[in-house]
N, C-alpha and C. Protein backbone atom coordinates (compact mmCIF):
# COMPACT_ATOMS: atom_id res chain seq x y z
N MET A 1 -13.34 -3.35 -52.72
CA MET A 1 -13.07 -3.40 -50.97
C MET A 1 -11.64 -4.12 -51.12
N ASP A 2 -11.02 -2.89 -50.36
CA ASP A 2 -9.56 -2.93 -49.89
C ASP A 2 -9.52 -3.87 -48.72
N ILE A 3 -8.16 -4.76 -47.95
CA ILE A 3 -8.35 -5.52 -47.14
C ILE A 3 -8.42 -4.64 -45.65
N THR A 4 -8.30 -3.13 -45.29
CA THR A 4 -8.33 -3.14 -44.18
C THR A 4 -9.93 -2.98 -44.09
N ALA A 5 -10.67 -2.44 -45.28
CA ALA A 5 -11.80 -2.43 -45.05
C ALA A 5 -12.49 -3.66 -44.60
N ALA A 6 -11.87 -4.42 -45.15
CA ALA A 6 -13.01 -5.86 -44.81
C ALA A 6 -12.43 -6.23 -43.42
N LEU A 7 -11.36 -6.02 -43.60
CA LEU A 7 -10.94 -6.45 -41.42
C LEU A 7 -11.87 -5.55 -40.71
N ALA A 8 -12.10 -4.22 -40.85
CA ALA A 8 -13.19 -3.30 -40.22
C ALA A 8 -14.23 -3.74 -40.07
N THR A 9 -14.95 -4.25 -41.27
CA THR A 9 -16.26 -4.54 -41.29
C THR A 9 -16.45 -5.96 -40.37
N LEU A 10 -15.45 -6.99 -40.62
CA LEU A 10 -15.41 -8.49 -40.09
C LEU A 10 -15.13 -8.13 -38.41
N ALA A 11 -14.60 -6.97 -38.09
CA ALA A 11 -14.34 -6.47 -36.43
C ALA A 11 -15.69 -5.87 -36.02
N ARG A 12 -15.94 -5.38 -36.81
CA ARG A 12 -17.48 -4.71 -35.97
C ARG A 12 -18.64 -5.72 -36.23
N GLN A 13 -18.54 -6.85 -37.21
CA GLN A 13 -19.65 -7.99 -37.00
C GLN A 13 -19.40 -9.01 -35.94
N THR A 14 -18.06 -9.12 -35.69
CA THR A 14 -17.94 -9.83 -34.64
C THR A 14 -17.58 -9.53 -32.90
N ALA A 15 -17.60 -7.89 -33.22
CA ALA A 15 -17.59 -7.49 -32.10
C ALA A 15 -18.88 -7.95 -30.67
N GLY A 16 -19.87 -8.32 -31.24
CA GLY A 16 -20.71 -8.90 -30.45
C GLY A 16 -20.60 -9.83 -29.78
N TRP A 17 -20.04 -10.64 -30.85
CA TRP A 17 -19.88 -12.41 -29.75
C TRP A 17 -18.95 -12.32 -28.69
N LEU A 18 -17.98 -11.32 -28.52
CA LEU A 18 -17.54 -11.20 -27.35
C LEU A 18 -18.18 -10.56 -26.21
N ARG A 19 -19.27 -9.97 -26.30
CA ARG A 19 -20.09 -9.45 -25.06
C ARG A 19 -21.01 -10.55 -24.42
N PRO A 20 -20.44 -10.54 -22.90
CA PRO A 20 -21.39 -11.77 -22.24
C PRO A 20 -23.35 -11.57 -22.61
N ALA A 21 -23.43 -12.96 -22.97
CA ALA A 21 -25.12 -12.88 -23.28
C ALA A 21 -25.82 -12.75 -22.05
N ASP A 22 -25.59 -12.63 -20.96
CA ASP A 22 -26.09 -12.24 -19.83
C ASP A 22 -26.45 -10.77 -19.21
N GLY A 23 -25.81 -9.86 -20.17
CA GLY A 23 -26.20 -8.87 -19.81
C GLY A 23 -25.17 -7.88 -18.59
N ARG A 24 -24.28 -8.51 -18.06
CA ARG A 24 -23.33 -8.27 -17.14
C ARG A 24 -21.78 -7.97 -17.45
N GLU A 25 -21.63 -7.01 -16.83
CA GLU A 25 -20.11 -6.42 -17.56
C GLU A 25 -19.20 -7.71 -17.17
N TYR A 26 -17.74 -7.36 -17.88
CA TYR A 26 -17.12 -7.99 -18.02
C TYR A 26 -16.33 -7.97 -16.80
N GLY A 27 -16.27 -6.89 -15.77
CA GLY A 27 -15.43 -7.02 -14.55
C GLY A 27 -16.38 -8.13 -13.44
N GLU A 28 -17.93 -8.12 -13.90
CA GLU A 28 -18.64 -8.74 -12.74
C GLU A 28 -18.61 -10.37 -13.30
N ARG A 29 -18.56 -10.38 -14.52
CA ARG A 29 -18.13 -11.77 -15.16
C ARG A 29 -17.00 -12.48 -14.60
N GLY A 30 -16.03 -11.65 -14.38
CA GLY A 30 -14.42 -12.01 -14.22
C GLY A 30 -14.77 -12.14 -12.48
N GLN A 31 -15.20 -11.44 -12.16
CA GLN A 31 -15.46 -11.54 -10.49
C GLN A 31 -16.13 -13.07 -9.97
N GLY A 32 -16.89 -13.23 -10.74
CA GLY A 32 -17.68 -14.52 -10.48
C GLY A 32 -16.86 -15.58 -10.88
N MET A 33 -16.08 -15.68 -11.84
CA MET A 33 -15.24 -16.72 -11.98
C MET A 33 -13.97 -16.85 -11.22
N VAL A 34 -13.40 -15.50 -10.59
CA VAL A 34 -12.48 -15.62 -9.14
C VAL A 34 -12.97 -16.23 -8.38
N GLU A 35 -14.38 -16.04 -7.98
CA GLU A 35 -15.04 -16.45 -6.62
C GLU A 35 -15.03 -18.27 -6.80
N TYR A 36 -15.96 -18.44 -7.94
CA TYR A 36 -15.61 -20.04 -8.22
C TYR A 36 -13.79 -20.65 -7.84
N ALA A 37 -13.00 -19.91 -8.55
CA ALA A 37 -11.76 -20.67 -8.51
C ALA A 37 -11.57 -20.58 -7.18
N LEU A 38 -11.58 -19.42 -6.32
CA LEU A 38 -11.15 -19.53 -4.85
C LEU A 38 -11.71 -20.39 -4.00
N ILE A 39 -12.75 -21.05 -4.33
CA ILE A 39 -13.95 -21.93 -3.69
C ILE A 39 -13.34 -23.26 -4.11
N LEU A 40 -12.97 -23.30 -5.41
CA LEU A 40 -12.43 -24.53 -5.79
C LEU A 40 -10.74 -24.91 -4.84
N MET A 41 -9.96 -23.59 -4.94
CA MET A 41 -8.63 -23.91 -3.97
C MET A 41 -9.42 -24.60 -2.94
N LEU A 42 -10.16 -23.66 -2.33
CA LEU A 42 -10.57 -24.29 -0.45
C LEU A 42 -10.55 -25.27 -0.72
N VAL A 43 -11.65 -26.30 -1.65
CA VAL A 43 -12.05 -27.16 -1.37
C VAL A 43 -10.81 -28.35 -1.73
N ALA A 44 -9.56 -27.97 -2.64
CA ALA A 44 -8.44 -28.77 -2.79
C ALA A 44 -7.77 -28.91 -1.50
N ILE A 45 -7.79 -27.78 -1.45
CA ILE A 45 -6.76 -27.75 0.14
C ILE A 45 -7.53 -28.55 1.37
N VAL A 46 -8.49 -28.06 1.49
CA VAL A 46 -9.40 -29.43 2.41
C VAL A 46 -9.29 -30.74 1.81
N VAL A 47 -9.15 -31.15 0.68
CA VAL A 47 -9.02 -32.80 0.54
C VAL A 47 -7.61 -32.69 0.66
N ILE A 48 -6.70 -32.01 0.08
CA ILE A 48 -5.22 -32.70 0.64
C ILE A 48 -4.79 -32.36 2.18
N VAL A 49 -5.52 -31.73 3.29
CA VAL A 49 -5.33 -31.62 4.40
C VAL A 49 -6.01 -33.59 5.04
N ILE A 50 -7.53 -33.09 4.33
CA ILE A 50 -7.82 -34.80 5.04
C ILE A 50 -6.87 -35.80 4.42
N LEU A 51 -6.76 -36.11 3.56
CA LEU A 51 -5.66 -36.79 2.87
C LEU A 51 -4.32 -37.39 3.53
N GLN A 52 -3.69 -36.14 3.93
CA GLN A 52 -2.51 -35.96 5.00
C GLN A 52 -3.08 -36.81 5.85
N LEU A 53 -4.26 -36.69 6.60
CA LEU A 53 -4.42 -36.76 8.30
C LEU A 53 -4.58 -38.37 7.75
N VAL A 54 -5.59 -38.89 6.81
CA VAL A 54 -5.96 -40.04 6.91
C VAL A 54 -5.35 -40.94 5.76
N GLY A 55 -4.79 -40.75 5.13
CA GLY A 55 -3.61 -40.86 4.23
C GLY A 55 -3.06 -42.50 4.68
N HIS A 56 -2.46 -42.92 5.18
CA HIS A 56 -1.92 -44.09 5.97
C HIS A 56 -2.92 -44.56 6.49
N GLN A 57 -3.85 -44.26 6.99
CA GLN A 57 -5.07 -45.35 7.55
C GLN A 57 -5.61 -46.29 5.65
N THR A 58 -5.82 -44.88 5.16
CA THR A 58 -6.51 -45.20 3.54
C THR A 58 -5.75 -46.04 2.66
N ASN A 59 -4.08 -46.24 3.00
CA ASN A 59 -3.27 -46.82 2.21
C ASN A 59 -2.97 -48.49 2.86
N ASN A 60 -3.22 -48.56 3.95
CA ASN A 60 -3.46 -49.90 4.78
C ASN A 60 -4.91 -50.78 4.34
N VAL A 61 -5.74 -49.63 4.58
CA VAL A 61 -6.86 -50.41 3.65
C VAL A 61 -7.08 -51.21 2.76
N PHE A 62 -6.55 -50.28 1.21
CA PHE A 62 -6.17 -50.61 0.30
C PHE A 62 -4.86 -51.56 0.27
N SER A 63 -4.03 -51.86 1.06
CA SER A 63 -3.00 -52.94 1.01
C SER A 63 -3.58 -54.12 1.32
N ASN A 64 -4.58 -54.18 2.21
CA ASN A 64 -5.35 -55.29 3.11
C ASN A 64 -5.98 -55.97 1.59
N VAL A 65 -6.82 -55.07 0.88
CA VAL A 65 -7.83 -55.50 -0.17
C VAL A 65 -6.94 -56.16 -1.01
N SER A 66 -5.89 -55.45 -1.66
CA SER A 66 -5.40 -56.01 -2.29
C SER A 66 -4.40 -57.31 -2.06
N ASN A 67 -4.17 -57.87 -0.95
CA ASN A 67 -3.23 -58.88 -0.62
C ASN A 67 -4.73 -60.03 -0.52
N GLY A 68 -5.76 -59.47 0.13
CA GLY A 68 -6.89 -60.39 0.38
C GLY A 68 -7.26 -60.82 -1.24
N LEU A 69 -7.16 -60.02 -2.27
CA LEU A 69 -7.06 -60.34 -3.65
C LEU A 69 -6.41 -61.32 -4.40
N ASN A 70 -4.89 -61.16 -3.75
CA ASN A 70 -4.04 -61.90 -4.18
C ASN A 70 -3.77 -62.95 -3.82
N ALA A 71 -4.18 -63.45 -2.75
CA ALA A 71 -4.43 -64.55 -1.69
C ALA A 71 -4.90 -65.66 -2.32
C-alpha cells in the first residue's frame, strides 16, 4: 500500500471524529458558540462599567482594610 492510499484510508476513518455528536449541523453549533461569546462579552462590559462606577469606593475599602492590618 502506498502512502497516498494509506493517507486516504486514514482520512476516511477519522472523518467521523469531526462530526458533532449531538446531530446538529456545523452552522448551528457555531451559532450557539457565538451566542455564548456575545453573552460573555455583555457580562464583561457590565462588570467593567460597574467597576468604573464603584472602583474608587472599593479601592478605599481595601486601603482601609490594608491600613488596619498594618497598624
